[in-house]
Amino acid sequence: MTSNRLKAFAAYVLFPLLLAGCGEGFSDLRQFVKDSEKSVTRKIEALPQVKPFSPFAYEGFDLPDPFKPRKLAIKQENAGANAPNLNRRKESLEAFPLEQVKMVGTLNQAGTMFALVRAEKTLYRVKKGNYLGQNFGLIVDITDSEIKLKEIVQDTAGDWAERESVLPLLEGPAPGGK
């Protein structure tokens, strides 16, 4: 016999004979399991009493959702009289927070007062009616010493409110200037 035939013979004939010899020694184990089942009392506990369902009417639909950032989500339905014009094209200085914008001077041309403001390293010329800052800040007046703004901010309830802000003239030389 070749080695492959010997392996096949062992696998098909001898292995099942070995397994058959192992199965007869479990009679004492089977008897123990039967005796154990007889000694165990089977008590099934009663199901717990089901409480009657009482429906709850939720009435908080008009309350603000605490999981939504209300200041970021601007809604037209809550706009009110002070709401900003959200369809208006934004001006370049509205990208900067008011704290990053500095007034560095004024300029009077043909009877119109302009303010010179610096945002980052760029110098801008603004006049009354331009917008400034991220809170819809409308320039309402320019003097030699300050820019007066009317900002529109949203409170925690989602209502729009006006507030006045002032951007004072930067004293001393402007940063980066001589």
Foldseek 3Di string as FASTA:
>chain_A
DDPVVVVVCCVPPVVVVVVVVPPPPCPVVVVVVVVVVVPDDDDDDDDDDDDDDDDDDDDCPVQDDPVDPLQVDADPVQEPPLRDDPVDDADPQQVDALVQKAFAFWDADPNFIWTWIDHPHDIDIDGQQHAHHNQRWGFHDDDGFKTKTWGWGADPRRYIDIDIDIRTHDPDHDVVGD
